[in-house]
């Protein structure tokens, strides 16, 4: 026996112990009191190893060992599945962390874009107040193509701007400069004129 379990081919019967028992029953007075040791050993082996009706200790041990092997296999399968699920859960946690990081980054970019858009809207509002219908993009088509409306909305199509430009060019052609009021100043030399809008 090893920790309560049978060890194969380890069964040993004591002839002396058997003889001591026989010395009491049937006793030395019986002519065959030392006969039958081999039969007794065989009977004990059958009982101990479970050869017989299947309800002996040996049969129970074999059943237990078979069940223990099944349980050991099931435990190993469960452990393997647990480790795989643990790795999968860790991968999902990493993916979730990366998703949250990207979501936070996208949120920051969106808020920055919203602030930039608000600044552009404010600049556009100020430009509309300053330029009115001459600001590109807000033209009234009124039956015209968008290109025509864009041309008509340009600053150089403004009547006041056009008149000032004409006066400036006329003064340049006559060889005289114009004073602050647009009047020609006699005897002044003209210079090349450029106009940037």
Protein backbone atom coordinates (compact mmCIF):
# COMPACT_ATOMS: atom_id res chain seq x y z
CA UNK A 1 0.00 0.00 0.00
CA UNK A 2 1.15 3.57 -0.73
CA UNK A 3 -0.88 6.35 0.94
CA UNK A 4 -3.87 4.02 1.10
CA UNK A 5 -3.55 2.89 -2.53
CA UNK A 6 -2.55 -0.51 -3.86
CA UNK A 7 0.83 -0.93 -5.51
CA UNK A 8 0.88 -3.56 -8.23
CA UNK A 9 2.79 -6.80 -7.41
CA UNK A 10 3.46 -5.61 -3.86
CA UNK A 11 1.05 -7.96 -2.05
CA UNK A 12 2.93 -10.13 0.51
CA UNK A 13 1.42 -12.64 2.97
CA UNK A 14 3.24 -13.69 6.13
CA UNK A 15 3.48 -17.46 6.57
CA UNK A 16 4.46 -16.99 10.23
CA UNK A 17 1.44 -14.85 10.92
CA UNK A 18 -0.76 -17.41 9.22
CA UNK A 19 0.81 -20.22 11.30
CA UNK A 20 0.26 -18.30 14.55
CA UNK A 21 -3.37 -18.01 13.70
CA UNK A 22 -3.59 -21.68 12.85
CA UNK A 23 -1.92 -22.57 16.15
CA UNK A 24 -5.01 -21.29 17.91
CA UNK A 25 -7.55 -22.64 15.45
CA UNK A 26 -7.66 -25.52 14.67
CA UNK A 27 -4.57 -25.88 16.86
CA UNK A 28 -1.59 -28.26 16.80
CA UNK A 29 -3.83 -31.13 17.82
CA UNK A 30 -5.32 -31.15 14.33
CA UNK A 31 -3.29 -33.26 11.92
CA UNK A 32 -3.71 -30.70 9.05
CA UNK A 33 -3.25 -27.52 11.13
CA UNK A 34 -0.39 -26.32 8.89
CA UNK A 35 -2.07 -27.27 5.62
CA UNK A 36 -3.84 -24.82 3.27
CA UNK A 37 -1.47 -21.78 3.24
CA UNK A 38 -1.45 -21.52 -0.57
CA UNK A 39 -5.24 -21.68 -0.72
CA UNK A 40 -5.52 -18.99 1.94
CA UNK A 41 -3.08 -16.75 0.02
CA UNK A 42 -5.09 -17.17 -3.20
CA UNK A 43 -8.36 -16.39 -1.40
CA UNK A 44 -6.91 -13.28 0.21
CA UNK A 45 -5.49 -12.10 -3.12
CA UNK A 46 -8.89 -12.45 -4.77
CA UNK A 47 -10.51 -10.42 -2.05
CA UNK A 48 -7.78 -7.80 -1.93
CA UNK A 49 -7.44 -7.32 -5.67
CA UNK A 50 -11.17 -7.35 -6.26
CA UNK A 51 -11.41 -10.54 -8.33
CA UNK A 52 -14.90 -11.86 -7.82
CA UNK A 53 -18.27 -10.14 -7.62
CA UNK A 54 -16.99 -6.59 -8.42
CA UNK A 55 -17.90 -5.10 -5.03
CA UNK A 56 -14.52 -5.68 -3.44
CA UNK A 57 -11.90 -3.11 -2.48
CA UNK A 58 -9.86 -3.77 -5.62
CA UNK A 59 -12.80 -3.05 -7.91
CA UNK A 60 -13.56 0.14 -6.00
CA UNK A 61 -9.95 1.19 -6.34
CA UNK A 62 -9.94 0.59 -10.08
CA UNK A 63 -13.17 2.59 -10.41
CA UNK A 64 -11.69 5.39 -8.36
CA UNK A 65 -8.51 5.44 -10.42
CA UNK A 66 -10.49 5.52 -13.68
CA UNK A 67 -12.65 8.37 -12.38
CA UNK A 68 -9.56 10.16 -11.10
CA UNK A 69 -8.02 9.99 -14.58
CA UNK A 70 -11.21 11.42 -16.10
CA UNK A 71 -11.30 14.19 -13.53
CA UNK A 72 -7.62 14.95 -14.10
CA UNK A 73 -8.26 15.24 -17.86
CA UNK A 74 -11.27 17.46 -17.24
CA UNK A 75 -9.24 19.63 -14.87
CA UNK A 76 -6.48 20.06 -17.44
CA UNK A 77 -9.02 20.94 -20.14
CA UNK A 78 -10.65 23.46 -17.81
CA UNK A 79 -7.28 24.96 -16.90
CA UNK A 80 -6.34 25.28 -20.59
CA UNK A 81 -9.69 26.91 -21.40
CA UNK A 82 -9.29 29.27 -18.42
CA UNK A 83 -5.83 30.35 -19.58
CA UNK A 84 -7.12 30.93 -23.12
CA UNK A 85 -10.06 32.99 -21.82
CA UNK A 86 -7.69 34.94 -19.58
CA UNK A 87 -5.46 35.79 -22.54
CA UNK A 88 -8.51 36.72 -24.65
CA UNK A 89 -9.85 38.94 -21.84
CA UNK A 90 -6.46 40.65 -21.53
CA UNK A 91 -6.41 41.28 -25.29
CA UNK A 92 -9.93 42.72 -25.11
CA UNK A 93 -8.87 44.97 -22.23
CA UNK A 94 -5.93 46.24 -24.27
CA UNK A 95 -8.19 46.82 -27.28
CA UNK A 96 -10.70 48.65 -25.09
CA UNK A 97 -7.94 50.85 -23.68
CA UNK A 98 -6.72 51.66 -27.19
CA UNK A 99 -10.29 52.39 -28.31
CA UNK A 100 -10.79 54.76 -25.37
CA UNK A 101 -7.47 56.46 -26.13
CA UNK A 102 -8.44 56.99 -29.77
CA UNK A 103 -11.89 58.19 -28.72
CA UNK A 104 -10.38 60.71 -26.30
CA UNK A 105 -7.96 61.87 -28.97
CA UNK A 106 -10.79 62.26 -31.49
CA UNK A 107 -12.81 64.17 -28.88
CA UNK A 108 -9.93 66.58 -28.30
CA UNK A 109 -9.49 67.05 -32.06
CA UNK A 110 -13.22 67.68 -32.45
CA UNK A 111 -13.26 70.27 -29.67
CA UNK A 112 -10.24 71.98 -31.21
CA UNK A 113 -11.97 71.98 -34.62
CA UNK A 114 -15.12 73.42 -33.03
CA UNK A 115 -13.10 76.26 -31.49
CA UNK A 116 -11.38 76.91 -34.81
CA UNK A 117 -14.73 76.85 -36.60
CA UNK A 118 -16.15 79.33 -34.08
CA UNK A 119 -13.20 81.67 -34.71
CA UNK A 120 -13.70 81.39 -38.47
CA UNK A 121 -17.42 82.07 -38.07
CA UNK A 122 -16.60 85.20 -36.06
CA UNK A 123 -14.15 86.37 -38.72
CA UNK A 124 -16.71 85.67 -41.42
CA UNK A 125 -19.36 87.63 -39.51
CA UNK A 126 -16.98 90.58 -39.18
CA UNK A 127 -16.07 90.36 -42.87
CA UNK A 128 -19.75 90.35 -43.85
CA UNK A 129 -20.35 93.41 -41.75
CA UNK A 130 -17.42 95.13 -43.44
CA UNK A 131 -17.84 93.99 -47.06
CA UNK A 132 -21.55 93.25 -47.18
CA UNK A 133 -22.64 91.65 -50.47
CA UNK A 134 -19.08 91.82 -51.85
CA UNK A 135 -17.90 88.92 -49.71
CA UNK A 136 -17.53 85.80 -51.92
CA UNK A 137 -19.78 82.93 -51.04
CA UNK A 138 -22.80 84.93 -49.95
CA UNK A 139 -23.89 86.15 -53.36
CA UNK A 140 -27.49 86.43 -54.40
CA UNK A 141 -27.62 84.46 -57.65
CA UNK A 142 -30.84 86.11 -58.88
CA UNK A 143 -30.88 84.02 -62.07
CA UNK A 144 -27.13 84.29 -62.65
CA UNK A 145 -24.54 81.53 -62.57
CA UNK A 146 -22.44 81.31 -59.45
CA UNK A 147 -19.37 82.47 -61.36
CA UNK A 148 -21.23 85.55 -62.62
CA UNK A 149 -22.54 86.28 -59.15
CA UNK A 150 -19.04 85.89 -57.77
CA UNK A 151 -17.62 88.34 -60.29
CA UNK A 152 -20.34 90.88 -59.53
CA UNK A 153 -19.79 90.53 -55.80
CA UNK A 154 -16.03 91.20 -56.01
CA UNK A 155 -14.80 94.45 -54.41
CA UNK A 156 -13.82 95.94 -57.79
CA UNK A 157 -17.45 95.75 -58.84
CA UNK A 158 -18.39 98.21 -56.09
CA UNK A 159 -19.37 101.54 -57.74
CA UNK A 160 -17.41 103.70 -55.29
CA UNK A 161 -14.35 101.51 -55.63
CA UNK A 162 -14.66 101.60 -59.43
CA UNK A 163 -14.92 105.40 -59.53
CA UNK A 164 -11.84 105.82 -57.34
CA UNK A 165 -9.90 103.42 -59.51
CA UNK A 166 -10.91 105.26 -62.72
CA UNK A 167 -9.87 108.61 -61.26
CA UNK A 168 -6.53 107.18 -60.24
CA UNK A 169 -5.82 105.72 -63.67
CA UNK A 170 -6.90 108.91 -65.45
CA UNK A 171 -4.56 110.99 -63.37
CA UNK A 172 -1.75 108.60 -64.24
CA UNK A 173 -2.38 109.01 -67.95
CA UNK A 174 -2.43 112.82 -67.87
CA UNK A 175 0.99 113.01 -66.24
CA UNK A 176 -0.40 114.72 -63.14
CA UNK A 177 -0.86 113.37 -59.70
CA UNK A 178 -4.13 113.60 -57.91
CA UNK A 179 -4.40 115.20 -54.51
CA UNK A 180 -6.28 113.70 -51.57
CA UNK A 181 -9.60 114.89 -53.02
CA UNK A 182 -8.96 113.32 -56.43
CA UNK A 183 -8.10 116.64 -58.11
CA UNK A 184 -5.16 116.80 -60.51
CA UNK A 185 -2.03 118.55 -59.33
CA UNK A 186 -0.41 120.28 -62.29
CA UNK A 187 3.26 119.78 -63.08
CA UNK A 188 3.70 116.56 -61.12
CA UNK A 189 5.25 113.48 -62.62
CA UNK A 190 3.26 110.30 -62.87
CA UNK A 191 4.54 107.03 -61.48
CA UNK A 192 3.50 103.47 -62.31
CA UNK A 193 0.35 102.71 -60.41
CA UNK A 194 -0.60 99.35 -58.95
CA UNK A 195 -3.65 98.53 -56.97
CA UNK A 196 -3.93 95.59 -54.61
CA UNK A 197 -7.25 94.59 -53.11
